[in-house]
Amino acid sequence: MAYYDLSQLADDEDFKDRIGAAAQSEGLIGIGSGAVEQWTADYRWTLAASPGFADAYASAVVNFNPRPGRDPAVISDAQILSSIQALPPVVEPLP
């Protein structure tokens, strides 16, 4: 894995949309304006560093995939979900 590949994946808009959608579907994101975007900003680097993700992304780029972050043949929805489920639980502050 090259750090550059990881950085490109972490910045890929399609990848960020997919991890936000997965987290929302798992009920990990609160309600409110910008909640999905904030969660995605907080965790995109961690998820991009999941084993095999950056290598798969780099391979897709080298093979001229125009939107590797969007393509579930590059990084599957199951892989994204598994990586999200492995995150430590978010602890909400007490009121």
PDB file of N, CA and C in Angstrom:
ATOM      1  N   MET A   1       0.836  -1.168   0.000  1.00  0.00           N
ATOM      2  CA  MET A   1       0.000   0.000   0.000  1.00  0.00           C
ATOM      3  C   MET A   1       0.886   1.237   0.000  1.00  0.00           C
ATOM      4  N   ALA A   2       0.593   2.132  -0.904  1.00  0.00           N
ATOM      5  CA  ALA A   2       1.285   3.415  -0.935  1.00  0.00           C
ATOM      6  C   ALA A   2       0.416   4.448  -0.218  1.00  0.00           C
ATOM      7  N   TYR A   3       1.051   5.300   0.542  1.00  0.00           N
ATOM      8  CA  TYR A   3       0.301   6.324   1.263  1.00  0.00           C
ATOM      9  C   TYR A   3      -0.450   7.244   0.306  1.00  0.00           C
ATOM     10  N   TYR A   4       0.129   7.478  -0.868  1.00  0.00           N
ATOM     11  CA  TYR A   4      -0.561   8.312  -1.853  1.00  0.00           C
ATOM     12  C   TYR A   4      -1.895   7.671  -2.264  1.00  0.00           C
ATOM     13  N   ASP A   5      -1.884   6.372  -2.484  1.00  0.00           N
ATOM     14  CA  ASP A   5      -3.119   5.683  -2.867  1.00  0.00           C
ATOM     15  C   ASP A   5      -4.167   5.796  -1.765  1.00  0.00           C
ATOM     16  N   LEU A   6      -3.720   5.643  -0.522  1.00  0.00           N
ATOM     17  CA  LEU A   6      -4.635   5.784   0.607  1.00  0.00           C
ATOM     18  C   LEU A   6      -5.214   7.201   0.645  1.00  0.00           C
ATOM     19  N   SER A   7      -4.369   8.203   0.393  1.00  0.00           N
ATOM     20  CA  SER A   7      -4.852   9.586   0.430  1.00  0.00           C
ATOM     21  C   SER A   7      -5.845   9.860  -0.688  1.00  0.00           C
ATOM     22  N   GLN A   8      -5.618   9.275  -1.839  1.00  0.00           N
ATOM     23  CA  GLN A   8      -6.554   9.464  -2.950  1.00  0.00           C
ATOM     24  C   GLN A   8      -7.903   8.813  -2.653  1.00  0.00           C
ATOM     25  N   LEU A   9      -7.875   7.638  -2.050  1.00  0.00           N
ATOM     26  CA  LEU A   9      -9.117   6.967  -1.668  1.00  0.00           C
ATOM     27  C   LEU A   9      -9.856   7.770  -0.605  1.00  0.00           C
ATOM     28  N   ALA A  10      -9.145   8.254   0.396  1.00  0.00           N
ATOM     29  CA  ALA A  10      -9.788   9.021   1.473  1.00  0.00           C
ATOM     30  C   ALA A  10     -10.444  10.293   0.944  1.00  0.00           C
ATOM     31  N   ASP A  11      -9.942  10.818  -0.168  1.00  0.00           N
ATOM     32  CA  ASP A  11     -10.498  12.039  -0.765  1.00  0.00           C
ATOM     33  C   ASP A  11     -11.519  11.772  -1.871  1.00  0.00           C
ATOM     34  N   ASP A  12     -11.733  10.522  -2.217  1.00  0.00           N
ATOM     35  CA  ASP A  12     -12.646  10.173  -3.307  1.00  0.00           C
ATOM     36  C   ASP A  12     -14.093  10.437  -2.879  1.00  0.00           C
ATOM     37  N   GLU A  13     -14.768  11.314  -3.595  1.00  0.00           N
ATOM     38  CA  GLU A  13     -16.140  11.702  -3.241  1.00  0.00           C
ATOM     39  C   GLU A  13     -17.102  10.514  -3.261  1.00  0.00           C
ATOM     40  N   ASP A  14     -16.946   9.629  -4.229  1.00  0.00           N
ATOM     41  CA  ASP A  14     -17.820   8.459  -4.307  1.00  0.00           C
ATOM     42  C   ASP A  14     -17.612   7.540  -3.099  1.00  0.00           C
ATOM     43  N   PHE A  15     -16.359   7.333  -2.709  1.00  0.00           N
ATOM     44  CA  PHE A  15     -16.062   6.509  -1.536  1.00  0.00           C
ATOM     45  C   PHE A  15     -16.669   7.146  -0.289  1.00  0.00           C
ATOM     46  N   LYS A  16     -16.513   8.455  -0.143  1.00  0.00           N
ATOM     47  CA  LYS A  16     -17.077   9.148   1.025  1.00  0.00           C
ATOM     48  C   LYS A  16     -18.600   8.998   1.054  1.00  0.00           C
ATOM     49  N   ASP A  17     -19.245   9.101  -0.101  1.00  0.00           N
ATOM     50  CA  ASP A  17     -20.705   8.915  -0.153  1.00  0.00           C
ATOM     51  C   ASP A  17     -21.091   7.499   0.268  1.00  0.00           C
ATOM     52  N   ARG A  18     -20.329   6.527  -0.181  1.00  0.00           N
ATOM     53  CA  ARG A  18     -20.647   5.135   0.142  1.00  0.00           C
ATOM     54  C   ARG A  18     -20.459   4.833   1.615  1.00  0.00           C
ATOM     55  N   ILE A  19     -19.372   5.349   2.235  1.00  0.00           N
ATOM     56  CA  ILE A  19     -19.187   5.071   3.654  1.00  0.00           C
ATOM     57  C   ILE A  19     -20.222   5.815   4.491  1.00  0.00           C
ATOM     58  N   GLY A  20     -20.620   7.003   4.055  1.00  0.00           N
ATOM     59  CA  GLY A  20     -21.683   7.727   4.755  1.00  0.00           C
ATOM     60  C   GLY A  20     -23.004   6.988   4.676  1.00  0.00           C
ATOM     61  N   ALA A  21     -23.320   6.464   3.504  1.00  0.00           N
ATOM     62  CA  ALA A  21     -24.566   5.707   3.328  1.00  0.00           C
ATOM     63  C   ALA A  21     -24.561   4.441   4.179  1.00  0.00           C
ATOM     64  N   ALA A  22     -23.430   3.766   4.220  1.00  0.00           N
ATOM     65  CA  ALA A  22     -23.337   2.540   5.018  1.00  0.00           C
ATOM     66  C   ALA A  22     -23.487   2.848   6.502  1.00  0.00           C
ATOM     67  N   ALA A  23     -22.834   3.882   6.963  1.00  0.00           N
ATOM     68  CA  ALA A  23     -22.921   4.244   8.382  1.00  0.00           C
ATOM     69  C   ALA A  23     -24.329   4.674   8.755  1.00  0.00           C
ATOM     70  N   GLN A  24     -24.968   5.411   7.873  1.00  0.00           N
ATOM     71  CA  GLN A  24     -26.350   5.837   8.137  1.00  0.00           C
ATOM     72  C   GLN A  24     -27.272   4.628   8.193  1.00  0.00           C
ATOM     73  N   SER A  25     -27.072   3.677   7.288  1.00  0.00           N
ATOM     74  CA  SER A  25     -27.933   2.491   7.269  1.00  0.00           C
ATOM     75  C   SER A  25     -27.734   1.631   8.515  1.00  0.00           C
ATOM     76  N   GLU A  26     -26.564   1.758   9.147  1.00  0.00           N
ATOM     77  CA  GLU A  26     -26.282   1.019  10.383  1.00  0.00           C
ATOM     78  C   GLU A  26     -26.739   1.785  11.630  1.00  0.00           C
ATOM     79  N   GLY A  27     -27.272   2.976  11.432  1.00  0.00           N
ATOM     80  CA  GLY A  27     -27.747   3.770  12.553  1.00  0.00           C
ATOM     81  C   GLY A  27     -26.639   4.387  13.386  1.00  0.00           C
ATOM     82  N   LEU A  28     -25.475   4.607  12.785  1.00  0.00           N
ATOM     83  CA  LEU A  28     -24.342   5.147  13.524  1.00  0.00           C
ATOM     84  C   LEU A  28     -24.287   6.671  13.527  1.00  0.00           C
ATOM     85  N   ILE A  29     -25.125   7.286  12.725  1.00  0.00           N
ATOM     86  CA  ILE A  29     -25.045   8.733  12.551  1.00  0.00           C
ATOM     87  C   ILE A  29     -26.286   9.380  13.137  1.00  0.00           C
ATOM     88  N   GLY A  30     -26.069  10.439  13.882  1.00  0.00           N
ATOM     89  CA  GLY A  30     -27.175  11.182  14.476  1.00  0.00           C
ATOM     90  C   GLY A  30     -28.002  11.902  13.431  1.00  0.00           C
ATOM     91  N   ILE A  31     -29.034  12.521  13.893  1.00  0.00           N
ATOM     92  CA  ILE A  31     -29.940  13.264  13.018  1.00  0.00           C
ATOM     93  C   ILE A  31     -29.530  14.728  13.058  1.00  0.00           C
ATOM     94  N   GLY A  32     -29.569  15.345  11.925  1.00  0.00           N
ATOM     95  CA  GLY A  32     -29.280  16.776  11.896  1.00  0.00           C
ATOM     96  C   GLY A  32     -28.544  17.158  10.632  1.00  0.00           C
ATOM     97  N   SER A  33     -28.597  18.413  10.358  1.00  0.00           N
ATOM     98  CA  SER A  33     -27.944  18.941   9.179  1.00  0.00           C
ATOM     99  C   SER A  33     -26.437  18.722   9.286  1.00  0.00           C
ATOM    100  N   GLY A  34     -25.882  18.056   8.306  1.00  0.00           N
ATOM    101  CA  GLY A  34     -24.445  17.840   8.262  1.00  0.00           C
ATOM    102  C   GLY A  34     -23.940  16.649   9.048  1.00  0.00           C
ATOM    103  N   ALA A  35     -24.831  15.878   9.657  1.00  0.00           N
ATOM    104  CA  ALA A  35     -24.389  14.754  10.491  1.00  0.00           C
ATOM    105  C   ALA A  35     -23.623  13.706   9.673  1.00  0.00           C
ATOM    106  N   VAL A  36     -24.124  13.357   8.512  1.00  0.00           N
ATOM    107  CA  VAL A  36     -23.453  12.353   7.674  1.00  0.00           C
ATOM    108  C   VAL A  36     -22.103  12.886   7.213  1.00  0.00           C
ATOM    109  N   GLU A  37     -22.074  14.126   6.794  1.00  0.00           N
ATOM    110  CA  GLU A  37     -20.834  14.723   6.313  1.00  0.00           C
ATOM    111  C   GLU A  37     -19.783  14.783   7.427  1.00  0.00           C
ATOM    112  N   GLN A  38     -20.214  15.109   8.642  1.00  0.00           N
ATOM    113  CA  GLN A  38     -19.270  15.182   9.754  1.00  0.00           C
ATOM    114  C   GLN A  38     -18.731  13.798  10.101  1.00  0.00           C
ATOM    115  N   TRP A  39     -19.612  12.795  10.146  1.00  0.00           N
ATOM    116  CA  TRP A  39     -19.168  11.437  10.439  1.00  0.00           C
ATOM    117  C   TRP A  39     -18.176  10.977   9.379  1.00  0.00           C
ATOM    118  N   THR A  40     -18.504  11.240   8.124  1.00  0.00           N
ATOM    119  CA  THR A  40     -17.628  10.843   7.024  1.00  0.00           C
ATOM    120  C   THR A  40     -16.272  11.527   7.137  1.00  0.00           C
ATOM    121  N   ALA A  41     -16.269  12.808   7.464  1.00  0.00           N
ATOM    122  CA  ALA A  41     -15.009  13.535   7.635  1.00  0.00           C
ATOM    123  C   ALA A  41     -14.190  12.941   8.781  1.00  0.00           C
ATOM    124  N   ASP A  42     -14.861  12.528   9.831  1.00  0.00           N
ATOM    125  CA  ASP A  42     -14.176  11.967  10.994  1.00  0.00           C
ATOM    126  C   ASP A  42     -13.554  10.591  10.726  1.00  0.00           C
ATOM    127  N   TYR A  43     -14.188   9.791   9.882  1.00  0.00           N
ATOM    128  CA  TYR A  43     -13.768   8.392   9.727  1.00  0.00           C
ATOM    129  C   TYR A  43     -13.235   8.011   8.349  1.00  0.00           C
ATOM    130  N   ARG A  44     -13.220   8.905   7.393  1.00  0.00           N
ATOM    131  CA  ARG A  44     -12.810   8.529   6.032  1.00  0.00           C
ATOM    132  C   ARG A  44     -11.378   8.015   5.968  1.00  0.00           C
ATOM    133  N   TRP A  45     -10.472   8.616   6.732  1.00  0.00           N
ATOM    134  CA  TRP A  45      -9.082   8.158   6.709  1.00  0.00           C
ATOM    135  C   TRP A  45      -8.952   6.781   7.342  1.00  0.00           C
ATOM    136  N   THR A  46      -9.639   6.568   8.435  1.00  0.00           N
ATOM    137  CA  THR A  46      -9.588   5.266   9.108  1.00  0.00           C
ATOM    138  C   THR A  46     -10.106   4.174   8.180  1.00  0.00           C
ATOM    139  N   LEU A  47     -11.212   4.451   7.522  1.00  0.00           N
ATOM    140  CA  LEU A  47     -11.802   3.442   6.636  1.00  0.00           C
ATOM    141  C   LEU A  47     -10.970   3.244   5.377  1.00  0.00           C
ATOM    142  N   ALA A  48     -10.392   4.305   4.838  1.00  0.00           N
ATOM    143  CA  ALA A  48      -9.529   4.166   3.657  1.00  0.00           C
ATOM    144  C   ALA A  48      -8.306   3.309   3.975  1.00  0.00           C
ATOM    145  N   ALA A  49      -7.894   3.308   5.244  1.00  0.00           N
ATOM    146  CA  ALA A  49      -6.731   2.506   5.657  1.00  0.00           C
ATOM    147  C   ALA A  49      -7.087   1.060   5.974  1.00  0.00           C
ATOM    148  N   SER A  50      -8.327   0.666   5.763  1.00  0.00           N
ATOM    149  CA  SER A  50      -8.726  -0.731   5.983  1.00  0.00           C
ATOM    150  C   SER A  50      -7.875  -1.642   5.105  1.00  0.00           C
ATOM    151  N   PRO A  51      -7.535  -2.823   5.597  1.00  0.00           N
ATOM    152  CA  PRO A  51      -6.669  -3.726   4.838  1.00  0.00           C
ATOM    153  C   PRO A  51      -7.174  -3.983   3.419  1.00  0.00           C
ATOM    154  N   GLY A  52      -6.308  -3.732   2.464  1.00  0.00           N
ATOM    155  CA  GLY A  52      -6.596  -4.013   1.066  1.00  0.00           C
ATOM    156  C   GLY A  52      -7.302  -2.912   0.303  1.00  0.00           C
ATOM    157  N   PHE A  53      -7.883  -1.945   0.990  1.00  0.00           N
ATOM    158  CA  PHE A  53      -8.659  -0.911   0.298  1.00  0.00           C
ATOM    159  C   PHE A  53      -7.787  -0.064  -0.635  1.00  0.00           C
ATOM    160  N   ALA A  54      -6.681   0.472  -0.139  1.00  0.00           N
ATOM    161  CA  ALA A  54      -5.843   1.346  -0.954  1.00  0.00           C
ATOM    162  C   ALA A  54      -5.229   0.588  -2.127  1.00  0.00           C
ATOM    163  N   ASP A  55      -4.837  -0.655  -1.905  1.00  0.00           N
ATOM    164  CA  ASP A  55      -4.274  -1.460  -2.997  1.00  0.00           C
ATOM    165  C   ASP A  55      -5.316  -1.718  -4.082  1.00  0.00           C
ATOM    166  N   ALA A  56      -6.526  -2.033  -3.684  1.00  0.00           N
ATOM    167  CA  ALA A  56      -7.599  -2.260  -4.656  1.00  0.00           C
ATOM    168  C   ALA A  56      -7.891  -0.984  -5.439  1.00  0.00           C
ATOM    169  N   TYR A  57      -7.906   0.128  -4.735  1.00  0.00           N
ATOM    170  CA  TYR A  57      -8.160   1.418  -5.370  1.00  0.00           C
ATOM    171  C   TYR A  57      -7.056   1.741  -6.384  1.00  0.00           C
ATOM    172  N   ALA A  58      -5.800   1.558  -5.981  1.00  0.00           N
ATOM    173  CA  ALA A  58      -4.673   1.837  -6.871  1.00  0.00           C
ATOM    174  C   ALA A  58      -4.714   0.951  -8.111  1.00  0.00           C
ATOM    175  N   SER A  59      -5.059  -0.307  -7.923  1.00  0.00           N
ATOM    176  CA  SER A  59      -5.158  -1.227  -9.056  1.00  0.00           C
ATOM    177  C   SER A  59      -6.239  -0.769 -10.035  1.00  0.00           C
ATOM    178  N   ALA A  60      -7.356  -0.317  -9.504  1.00  0.00           N
ATOM    179  CA  ALA A  60      -8.440   0.166 -10.369  1.00  0.00           C
ATOM    180  C   ALA A  60      -8.018   1.409 -11.140  1.00  0.00           C
ATOM    181  N   VAL A  61      -7.285   2.305 -10.487  1.00  0.00           N
ATOM    182  CA  VAL A  61      -6.814   3.518 -11.152  1.00  0.00           C
ATOM    183  C   VAL A  61      -5.852   3.165 -12.285  1.00  0.00           C
ATOM    184  N   VAL A  62      -4.915   2.258 -11.997  1.00  0.00           N
ATOM    185  CA  VAL A  62      -3.942   1.839 -13.011  1.00  0.00           C
ATOM    186  C   VAL A  62      -4.652   1.192 -14.204  1.00  0.00           C
ATOM    187  N   ASN A  63      -5.775   0.541 -13.944  1.00  0.00           N
ATOM    188  CA  ASN A  63      -6.532  -0.123 -15.014  1.00  0.00           C
ATOM    189  C   ASN A  63      -7.613   0.779 -15.610  1.00  0.00           C
ATOM    190  N   PHE A  64      -7.458   2.075 -15.397  1.00  0.00           N
ATOM    191  CA  PHE A  64      -8.301   3.101 -16.024  1.00  0.00           C
ATOM    192  C   PHE A  64      -9.765   3.055 -15.626  1.00  0.00           C
ATOM    193  N   ASN A  65     -10.042   2.606 -14.409  1.00  0.00           N
ATOM    194  CA  ASN A  65     -11.414   2.674 -13.904  1.00  0.00           C
ATOM    195  C   ASN A  65     -11.709   4.149 -13.651  1.00  0.00           C
ATOM    196  N   PRO A  66     -12.731   4.697 -14.323  1.00  0.00           N
ATOM    197  CA  PRO A  66     -12.972   6.138 -14.198  1.00  0.00           C
ATOM    198  C   PRO A  66     -13.502   6.574 -12.826  1.00  0.00           C
ATOM    199  N   ARG A  67     -14.136   5.675 -12.086  1.00  0.00           N
ATOM    200  CA  ARG A  67     -14.692   6.027 -10.773  1.00  0.00           C
ATOM    201  C   ARG A  67     -14.514   4.870  -9.801  1.00  0.00           C
ATOM    202  N   PRO A  68     -13.277   4.625  -9.386  1.00  0.00           N
ATOM    203  CA  PRO A  68     -13.010   3.457  -8.541  1.00  0.00           C
ATOM    204  C   PRO A  68     -13.681   3.519  -7.173  1.00  0.00           C
ATOM    205  N   GLY A  69     -13.897   4.697  -6.638  1.00  0.00           N
ATOM    206  CA  GLY A  69     -14.560   4.799  -5.337  1.00  0.00           C
ATOM    207  C   GLY A  69     -16.030   4.450  -5.389  1.00  0.00           C
ATOM    208  N   ARG A  70     -16.596   4.500  -6.568  1.00  0.00           N
ATOM    209  CA  ARG A  70     -18.016   4.183  -6.766  1.00  0.00           C
ATOM    210  C   ARG A  70     -18.235   2.703  -7.089  1.00  0.00           C
ATOM    211  N   ASP A  71     -17.219   2.047  -7.559  1.00  0.00           N
ATOM    212  CA  ASP A  71     -17.333   0.702  -8.128  1.00  0.00           C
ATOM    213  C   ASP A  71     -17.270  -0.378  -7.047  1.00  0.00           C
ATOM    214  N   PRO A  72     -18.371  -1.105  -6.793  1.00  0.00           N
ATOM    215  CA  PRO A  72     -18.342  -2.156  -5.787  1.00  0.00           C
ATOM    216  C   PRO A  72     -17.498  -3.370  -6.194  1.00  0.00           C
ATOM    217  N   ALA A  73     -17.032  -3.417  -7.431  1.00  0.00           N
ATOM    218  CA  ALA A  73     -16.102  -4.473  -7.824  1.00  0.00           C
ATOM    219  C   ALA A  73     -14.681  -4.148  -7.339  1.00  0.00           C
ATOM    220  N   VAL A  74     -14.436  -2.901  -6.989  1.00  0.00           N
ATOM    221  CA  VAL A  74     -13.132  -2.490  -6.467  1.00  0.00           C
ATOM    222  C   VAL A  74     -13.107  -2.692  -4.954  1.00  0.00           C
ATOM    223  N   ILE A  75     -14.026  -2.039  -4.260  1.00  0.00           N
ATOM    224  CA  ILE A  75     -14.236  -2.214  -2.822  1.00  0.00           C
ATOM    225  C   ILE A  75     -15.723  -2.478  -2.660  1.00  0.00           C
ATOM    226  N   SER A  76     -16.047  -3.645  -2.182  1.00  0.00           N
ATOM    227  CA  SER A  76     -17.457  -4.045  -2.114  1.00  0.00           C
ATOM    228  C   SER A  76     -18.180  -3.374  -0.954  1.00  0.00           C
ATOM    229  N   ASP A  77     -19.497  -3.345  -1.058  1.00  0.00           N
ATOM    230  CA  ASP A  77     -20.310  -2.829   0.042  1.00  0.00           C
ATOM    231  C   ASP A  77     -20.093  -3.669   1.303  1.00  0.00           C
ATOM    232  N   ALA A  78     -19.915  -4.973   1.133  1.00  0.00           N
ATOM    233  CA  ALA A  78     -19.672  -5.846   2.290  1.00  0.00           C
ATOM    234  C   ALA A  78     -18.352  -5.494   2.972  1.00  0.00           C
ATOM    235  N   GLN A  79     -17.329  -5.158   2.197  1.00  0.00           N
ATOM    236  CA  GLN A  79     -16.053  -4.757   2.781  1.00  0.00           C
ATOM    237  C   GLN A  79     -16.197  -3.447   3.562  1.00  0.00           C
ATOM    238  N   ILE A  80     -16.916  -2.501   2.991  1.00  0.00           N
ATOM    239  CA  ILE A  80     -17.145  -1.225   3.674  1.00  0.00           C
ATOM    240  C   ILE A  80     -17.913  -1.463   4.959  1.00  0.00           C
ATOM    241  N   LEU A  81     -18.972  -2.234   4.886  1.00  0.00           N
ATOM    242  CA  LEU A  81     -19.784  -2.514   6.071  1.00  0.00           C
ATOM    243  C   LEU A  81     -18.958  -3.195   7.160  1.00  0.00           C
ATOM    244  N   SER A  82     -18.158  -4.171   6.776  1.00  0.00           N
ATOM    245  CA  SER A  82     -17.320  -4.880   7.739  1.00  0.00           C
ATOM    246  C   SER A  82     -16.342  -3.922   8.427  1.00  0.00           C
ATOM    247  N   SER A  83     -15.761  -3.015   7.666  1.00  0.00           N
ATOM    248  CA  SER A  83     -14.823  -2.050   8.245  1.00  0.00           C
ATOM    249  C   SER A  83     -15.527  -1.081   9.177  1.00  0.00           C
ATOM    250  N   ILE A  84     -16.731  -0.676   8.822  1.00  0.00           N
ATOM    251  CA  ILE A  84     -17.498   0.228   9.681  1.00  0.00           C
ATOM    252  C   ILE A  84     -17.896  -0.488  10.971  1.00  0.00           C
ATOM    253  N   GLN A  85     -18.319  -1.729  10.854  1.00  0.00           N
ATOM    254  CA  GLN A  85     -18.731  -2.481  12.046  1.00  0.00           C
ATOM    255  C   GLN A  85     -17.566  -2.755  12.989  1.00  0.00           C
ATOM    256  N   ALA A  86     -16.337  -2.708  12.480  1.00  0.00           N
ATOM    257  CA  ALA A  86     -15.155  -2.935  13.313  1.00  0.00           C
ATOM    258  C   ALA A  86     -14.729  -1.680  14.086  1.00  0.00           C
ATOM    259  N   LEU A  87     -15.327  -0.521  13.751  1.00  0.00           N
ATOM    260  CA  LEU A  87     -14.993   0.707  14.467  1.00  0.00           C
ATOM    261  C   LEU A  87     -15.488   0.620  15.906  1.00  0.00           C
ATOM    262  N   PRO A  88     -14.782   1.274  16.826  1.00  0.00           N
ATOM    263  CA  PRO A  88     -15.290   1.296  18.194  1.00  0.00           C
ATOM    264  C   PRO A  88     -16.599   2.071  18.250  1.00  0.00           C
ATOM    265  N   PRO A  89     -17.485   1.734  19.167  1.00  0.00           N
ATOM    266  CA  PRO A  89     -18.763   2.427  19.246  1.00  0.00           C
ATOM    267  C   PRO A  89     -18.566   3.901  19.624  1.00  0.00           C
ATOM    268  N   VAL A  90     -19.437   4.720  19.099  1.00  0.00           N
ATOM    269  CA  VAL A  90     -19.411   6.135  19.418  1.00  0.00           C
ATOM    270  C   VAL A  90     -20.138   6.326  20.740  1.00  0.00           C
ATOM    271  N   VAL A  91     -19.508   7.003  21.658  1.00  0.00           N
ATOM    272  CA  VAL A  91     -20.120   7.265  22.957  1.00  0.00           C
ATOM    273  C   VAL A  91     -20.634   8.692  22.950  1.00  0.00           C
ATOM    274  N   GLU A  92     -21.920   8.832  23.125  1.00  0.00           N
ATOM    275  CA  GLU A  92     -22.540  10.157  23.164  1.00  0.00           C
ATOM    276  C   GLU A  92     -22.305  10.794  24.520  1.00  0.00           C
ATOM    277  N   PRO A  93     -21.996  12.095  24.539  1.00  0.00           N
ATOM    278  CA  PRO A  93     -21.830  12.741  25.848  1.00  0.00           C
ATOM    279  C   PRO A  93     -23.150  12.801  26.606  1.00  0.00           C
ATOM    280  N   LEU A  94     -23.058  12.743  27.908  1.00  0.00           N
ATOM    281  CA  LEU A  94     -24.262  12.832  28.741  1.00  0.00           C
ATOM    282  C   LEU A  94     -24.820  14.246  28.696  1.00  0.00           C
ATOM    283  N   PRO A  95     -26.144  14.370  28.762  1.00  0.00           N
ATOM    284  CA  PRO A  95     -26.730  15.727  28.732  1.00  0.00           C
ATOM    285  C   PRO A  95     -26.415  16.531  29.985  1.00  0.00           C
TER     286      PRO A  95
END
